[in-house]
Protein backbone atom coordinates (compact mmCIF):
# COMPACT_ATOMS: atom_id res chain seq x y z
CA MET A 1 20.05 7.56 26.62
CA THR A 2 22.87 10.07 26.23
CA TYR A 3 23.04 12.62 23.41
CA SER A 4 26.02 10.75 21.99
CA ASN A 5 24.16 7.43 21.97
CA LEU A 6 21.08 9.04 20.42
CA SER A 7 23.19 10.60 17.66
CA SER A 8 24.81 7.25 16.93
CA LEU A 9 21.41 5.55 16.75
CA LEU A 10 20.03 8.17 14.37
CA ALA A 11 23.11 7.88 12.17
CA LEU A 12 22.67 4.11 12.03
CA VAL A 13 18.99 4.42 11.07
CA LEU A 14 19.89 6.96 8.37
CA LEU A 15 22.63 4.72 7.02
CA GLN A 16 20.29 1.71 6.88
CA SER A 17 17.68 3.82 5.13
CA MET A 18 20.20 5.04 2.56
CA THR A 19 21.43 1.48 2.02
CA TRP A 20 17.87 0.28 1.33
CA VAL A 21 17.20 3.11 -1.10
CA ASN A 22 20.48 2.55 -2.88
CA ALA A 23 19.82 -1.20 -3.00
CA ASN A 24 16.56 -0.68 -4.83
CA PRO A 25 15.95 2.91 -5.94
CA TRP A 26 12.84 1.87 -7.90
CA GLU A 27 10.90 1.55 -4.65
CA ALA A 28 11.87 5.06 -3.58
CA ILE A 29 9.99 6.63 -6.51
CA ASP A 30 6.37 7.58 -5.95
CA ASN A 31 5.41 9.07 -9.31
CA PRO A 32 5.35 7.86 -12.94
CA TYR A 33 7.46 9.38 -15.68
CA GLY A 34 6.41 10.33 -19.20
CA ASN A 35 3.11 10.70 -20.95
CA GLN A 36 3.37 7.98 -23.59
CA ALA A 37 3.03 4.50 -22.14
CA ALA A 38 5.80 2.02 -22.95
CA ALA A 39 6.73 -1.35 -21.47
CA ILE A 40 10.51 -1.58 -21.72
CA GLY A 41 12.46 -4.84 -21.41
CA GLY A 42 11.28 -8.21 -20.13
CA TYR A 43 8.68 -9.03 -17.51
CA ALA A 44 11.44 -9.83 -15.00
CA ASN A 45 13.97 -7.21 -16.09
CA GLY A 46 12.71 -3.85 -17.26
CA CYS A 47 10.82 -0.69 -16.45
CA LEU A 48 7.69 1.28 -17.26
CA GLN A 49 7.24 4.63 -18.94
CA GLY A 50 3.98 6.56 -18.71
CA GLY A 51 2.52 4.31 -16.03
CA GLN A 52 -1.05 4.83 -14.86
CA ALA A 53 -2.35 4.46 -11.32
CA LEU A 54 -5.39 2.20 -11.11
CA PRO A 55 -8.07 3.94 -8.99
CA ILE A 56 -8.26 2.26 -5.57
CA VAL A 57 -11.95 1.49 -6.01
CA GLY A 58 -13.71 0.92 -9.32
CA ASP A 59 -16.68 -0.80 -10.87
CA GLY A 60 -16.41 -4.39 -9.67
CA TYR A 61 -13.03 -4.22 -7.92
CA GLN A 62 -11.10 -2.95 -4.90
CA VAL A 63 -7.31 -2.56 -4.68
CA ILE A 64 -5.64 -4.13 -1.64
CA ARG A 65 -2.28 -3.43 0.06
CA THR A 66 -2.23 0.08 -1.33
CA ASN A 67 0.59 1.10 1.00
CA ARG A 68 2.95 -0.87 -1.26
CA GLN A 69 2.26 1.52 -4.17
CA ARG A 70 2.14 -1.41 -6.56
CA TYR A 71 -1.10 -0.40 -8.30
CA TYR A 72 0.47 1.14 -11.40
CA GLY A 73 0.57 -0.31 -14.88
CA HIS A 74 0.74 0.23 -18.59
CA GLU A 75 -2.51 1.73 -19.89
CA VAL A 76 -3.26 -1.62 -21.52
CA LEU A 77 -3.11 -3.28 -18.09
CA THR A 78 -5.29 -0.74 -16.27
CA GLY A 79 -7.77 -1.03 -19.14
CA PHE A 80 -7.75 -4.81 -18.84
CA VAL A 81 -8.40 -4.70 -15.09
CA ARG A 82 -11.37 -2.38 -15.53
CA ASP A 83 -12.85 -4.47 -18.35
CA PHE A 84 -12.25 -7.74 -16.51
CA ALA A 85 -13.87 -6.48 -13.30
CA THR A 86 -16.91 -5.26 -15.23
CA ASN A 87 -17.27 -8.58 -17.05
CA VAL A 88 -17.04 -10.55 -13.79
CA LYS A 89 -19.61 -8.27 -12.15
CA GLN A 90 -22.00 -8.77 -15.07
CA GLN A 91 -21.88 -12.50 -14.31
CA GLY A 92 -23.37 -11.70 -10.90
CA PHE A 93 -20.18 -12.08 -8.86
CA ASN A 94 -18.76 -9.79 -6.16
CA ASP A 95 -15.86 -7.32 -6.24
CA LEU A 96 -12.44 -8.52 -7.32
CA LEU A 97 -9.45 -7.92 -5.04
CA ILE A 98 -6.60 -6.44 -7.08
CA ALA A 99 -3.17 -6.98 -5.54
CA ASP A 100 0.30 -6.32 -6.98
CA MET A 101 0.65 -4.72 -10.39
CA SER A 102 3.80 -2.60 -10.84
CA MET A 103 5.42 0.38 -9.14
CA PRO A 104 5.10 3.89 -10.65
CA ARG A 105 8.06 3.40 -13.01
CA GLY A 106 8.17 -0.37 -12.93
CA GLY A 107 11.45 -1.96 -11.97
CA ASN A 108 12.13 -4.74 -9.51
CA PHE A 109 10.55 -5.22 -6.09
CA THR A 110 12.75 -5.85 -3.08
CA GLN A 111 10.62 -8.88 -2.31
CA GLY A 112 7.54 -10.69 -3.54
CA HIS A 113 8.16 -11.06 -7.28
CA SER A 114 10.93 -11.12 -9.83
CA SER A 115 8.47 -10.11 -12.54
CA HIS A 116 5.86 -7.28 -12.49
CA GLN A 117 8.57 -4.93 -13.79
CA ILE A 118 7.08 -3.50 -17.00
CA GLY A 119 3.47 -2.80 -16.07
CA LEU A 120 1.91 -5.86 -17.72
CA ASP A 121 1.41 -8.21 -14.74
CA VAL A 122 -1.37 -8.19 -12.13
CA ASP A 123 -2.20 -10.46 -9.20
CA ILE A 124 -5.92 -10.96 -8.65
CA TRP A 125 -7.09 -12.82 -5.56
CA PHE A 126 -9.57 -15.64 -5.99
CA GLN A 127 -11.68 -14.55 -3.04
CA GLN A 128 -14.05 -11.69 -3.63
CA ALA A 129 -15.54 -8.88 -1.54
CA SER A 130 -19.28 -8.52 -1.04
CA ARG A 131 -18.92 -5.07 0.57
CA PRO A 132 -16.43 -2.20 0.77
CA LEU A 133 -13.36 -3.24 2.76
CA THR A 134 -12.31 -1.41 5.90
CA LYS A 135 -8.87 0.19 5.90
CA THR A 136 -7.48 -2.69 7.96
CA GLU A 137 -9.03 -5.29 5.67
CA ARG A 138 -7.66 -3.48 2.64
CA GLU A 139 -4.10 -3.14 3.93
CA GLN A 140 -3.89 -6.46 5.78
CA PRO A 141 -6.14 -8.86 3.85
CA GLN A 142 -6.23 -12.48 4.95
CA PRO A 143 -6.17 -15.00 2.08
CA LEU A 144 -8.34 -18.09 2.06
CA LYS A 145 -6.66 -21.49 1.92
CA PHE A 146 -7.95 -22.88 -1.36
CA VAL A 147 -5.17 -25.44 -1.87
CA ASP A 148 -3.81 -28.39 0.09
CA LYS A 149 -0.50 -28.92 -1.70
CA LYS A 150 0.51 -32.12 0.12
CA LYS A 151 -2.79 -33.81 -0.75
CA PHE A 152 -2.87 -32.11 -4.16
CA LEU A 153 -6.49 -31.16 -3.53
CA LEU A 154 -8.63 -28.06 -3.86
CA ASP A 155 -11.09 -27.10 -1.12
CA ASN A 156 -14.40 -27.33 -2.96
CA LYS A 157 -16.20 -25.68 -0.06
CA ILE A 158 -14.63 -22.33 -0.88
CA TRP A 159 -13.66 -22.84 -4.52
CA THR A 160 -16.84 -22.30 -6.49
CA ASN A 161 -17.96 -21.61 -10.02
CA ALA A 162 -17.07 -17.96 -9.39
CA GLN A 163 -13.35 -18.77 -9.32
CA THR A 164 -13.55 -20.99 -12.40
CA GLN A 165 -15.39 -18.29 -14.31
CA MET A 166 -12.84 -15.67 -13.24
CA LEU A 167 -10.12 -17.72 -14.88
CA ARG A 168 -12.16 -18.41 -18.01
CA ILE A 169 -13.11 -14.75 -18.54
CA ALA A 170 -9.50 -13.63 -18.11
CA ALA A 171 -8.03 -16.36 -20.32
CA GLU A 172 -10.46 -15.64 -23.15
CA ASP A 173 -9.29 -12.01 -23.30
CA GLU A 174 -6.99 -11.61 -26.31
CA ARG A 175 -4.77 -9.22 -24.33
CA VAL A 176 -3.82 -12.02 -21.92
CA ALA A 177 -0.68 -14.07 -22.67
CA ARG A 178 -0.58 -16.33 -19.58
CA ILE A 179 -2.25 -16.89 -16.23
CA PHE A 180 -0.16 -18.53 -13.50
CA VAL A 181 -1.96 -20.66 -10.88
CA SER A 182 -1.11 -23.46 -8.48
CA PRO A 183 -0.79 -26.84 -10.25
CA VAL A 184 -3.58 -28.04 -7.93
CA ILE A 185 -5.93 -25.43 -9.40
CA LYS A 186 -4.92 -26.37 -12.94
CA GLN A 187 -5.64 -30.03 -12.13
CA HIS A 188 -9.10 -29.12 -10.85
CA LEU A 189 -9.87 -27.27 -14.08
CA CYS A 190 -8.70 -30.26 -16.13
CA ASN A 191 -10.86 -32.61 -14.05
CA LEU A 192 -13.96 -30.58 -14.92
CA GLU A 193 -13.70 -31.95 -18.49
CA LEU A 194 -15.18 -28.78 -19.93
CA THR A 195 -16.65 -28.92 -23.42
CA ASN A 196 -15.09 -25.62 -24.48
CA ASN A 197 -11.68 -25.67 -22.82
CA ALA A 198 -9.37 -23.98 -25.34
CA TRP A 199 -8.78 -21.24 -22.77
CA LEU A 200 -7.03 -23.75 -20.49
CA ASN A 201 -3.97 -23.40 -22.71
CA LYS A 202 -3.20 -20.01 -21.14
CA VAL A 203 -3.62 -21.28 -17.55
CA ARG A 204 -0.10 -22.32 -16.54
CA PRO A 205 0.91 -24.28 -13.41
CA TRP A 206 3.55 -22.60 -11.28
CA TRP A 207 4.92 -22.56 -7.75
CA GLY A 208 2.76 -20.75 -5.20
CA HIS A 209 -0.27 -18.96 -6.62
CA THR A 210 -2.56 -20.86 -4.25
CA TYR A 211 -4.88 -17.97 -3.43
CA HIS A 212 -4.47 -15.68 -6.44
CA MET A 213 -3.99 -15.78 -10.17
CA HIS A 214 -1.14 -13.93 -11.83
CA VAL A 215 -2.33 -12.49 -15.13
CA ARG A 216 0.31 -11.50 -17.69
CA LEU A 217 -0.51 -9.52 -20.81
CA HIS A 218 1.13 -9.65 -24.22
CA CYS A 219 3.44 -6.78 -25.12
CA PRO A 220 1.26 -3.98 -26.50
CA GLU A 221 1.42 -3.42 -30.23
CA GLY A 222 3.95 -0.71 -31.00
CA ASP A 223 6.04 -1.18 -27.84
CA LYS A 224 9.19 -2.14 -29.72
CA LEU A 225 11.35 -2.43 -26.60
CA CYS A 226 8.96 -4.84 -24.87
CA GLN A 227 10.02 -8.51 -24.83
CA ASN A 228 7.31 -11.18 -25.04
CA GLN A 229 7.81 -14.66 -23.66
CA ALA A 230 8.06 -17.60 -26.02
CA PRO A 231 4.68 -18.88 -27.23
CA ILE A 232 2.90 -21.55 -25.18
CA THR A 233 2.97 -25.11 -26.53
CA ALA A 234 -0.32 -26.10 -28.18
CA GLY A 235 -2.85 -28.08 -26.16
CA ASP A 236 -4.67 -27.73 -22.83
CA GLY A 237 -1.55 -28.53 -20.76
CA CYS A 238 -3.33 -31.13 -18.62
CA ASN A 239 -0.73 -33.79 -19.49
CA GLU A 240 1.97 -31.74 -17.71
CA LEU A 241 0.52 -32.12 -14.23
CA SER A 242 1.91 -35.51 -13.17
CA TRP A 243 5.36 -33.93 -12.79
CA TRP A 244 3.93 -31.13 -10.67
CA LYS A 245 2.02 -33.54 -8.47
CA LYS A 246 5.22 -35.45 -7.77
CA GLN A 247 7.03 -32.23 -6.86
CA LEU A 248 4.36 -31.16 -4.38
CA THR A 249 3.44 -34.50 -2.81
CA GLY A 250 6.56 -36.62 -3.22
CA ALA A 251 8.98 -37.53 -0.44
CA PRO A 252 11.53 -34.84 0.42
CA VAL A 253 14.64 -35.11 -1.70
CA LYS A 254 17.95 -35.31 0.13
CA PRO A 255 19.92 -32.14 -0.61
CA PRO A 256 23.04 -32.70 -2.72
CA ALA A 257 26.45 -32.62 -1.08
CA LYS A 258 28.05 -29.22 -0.90
CA PRO A 259 30.38 -28.61 -3.84
CA THR A 260 34.08 -28.49 -3.09
CA THR A 261 34.55 -25.49 -5.34
CA LYS A 262 32.75 -22.20 -4.96
CA PRO A 263 29.97 -21.72 -7.52
CA LYS A 264 30.40 -18.88 -9.95
CA LYS A 265 28.51 -15.76 -9.03
CA LYS A 266 25.58 -14.99 -11.27
CA LYS A 267 26.01 -11.86 -13.29
CA PRO A 268 23.52 -9.19 -12.23
CA LYS A 269 20.81 -8.45 -14.76
CA VAL A 270 21.36 -5.27 -16.70
CA LYS A 271 18.22 -3.35 -17.53
CA PRO A 272 17.69 -1.76 -20.93
CA GLN A 273 19.54 1.53 -21.31
CA GLN A 274 16.29 3.53 -21.40
CA CYS A 275 15.52 2.45 -17.83
CA SER A 276 18.43 4.51 -16.46
CA HIS A 277 16.83 7.67 -17.82
CA ILE A 278 13.38 6.71 -16.54
CA LEU A 279 14.79 6.00 -13.09
CA SER A 280 16.72 9.26 -12.76
CA ALA A 281 14.25 11.63 -14.48
CA LYS A 282 12.60 14.27 -12.30
């Protein structure tokens, strides 16, 4: 390779790198900003002030995929994770695997989620760890296949009481607003016909979420710029699942004909004004 070609290649790599950073500057930041924690904006459009890093290993949990730097959260979230892991451990279960939370200053991910932006969301895998993970296992974990979407069935050989209790313990925590899981998992919980099932109200069916639960906390008291979701409709939600079953198991729907006119471009989301300062602060 000639010097000229090498220079051109390096320039191209630099340009691509700059384009990526400019496309999503939130992912280029590796440190939190501010001392006072504040969740600003909505779960899918906001930022985080005073974020805390969750220690990679703690009592009853291990953080996975640490190279993503998505193990930050509002102090209420890091406190929840610690408490939740301790409670699960006290039930005699193994270590939890903590996946995506938020980035150091929140903001949007390039891929993976539209939410997790204000430090109040955490993904927790259903499988557990009976020993410390190796570096490879931690950074490249392999999820278990709990759900057969086409058959709308849960694999009862690997789904045990441990997973059910994980969901119950999390849902009964007053800090928790919602828990997103596969509709197949929700159906399994409904089929158990539990005597005390009020906590099922918080367990919400959603696309994906076949090997992890997505726990979302309420806006912390005093965070005036944080935007809660609308309240959940009363009831256990089990009557909603027939629609989901049809979506996952029904015959493929023929895509609609292409429109003759170009669709209007969606307006980009504008984050709260405070997020500009948090993003640019040194």
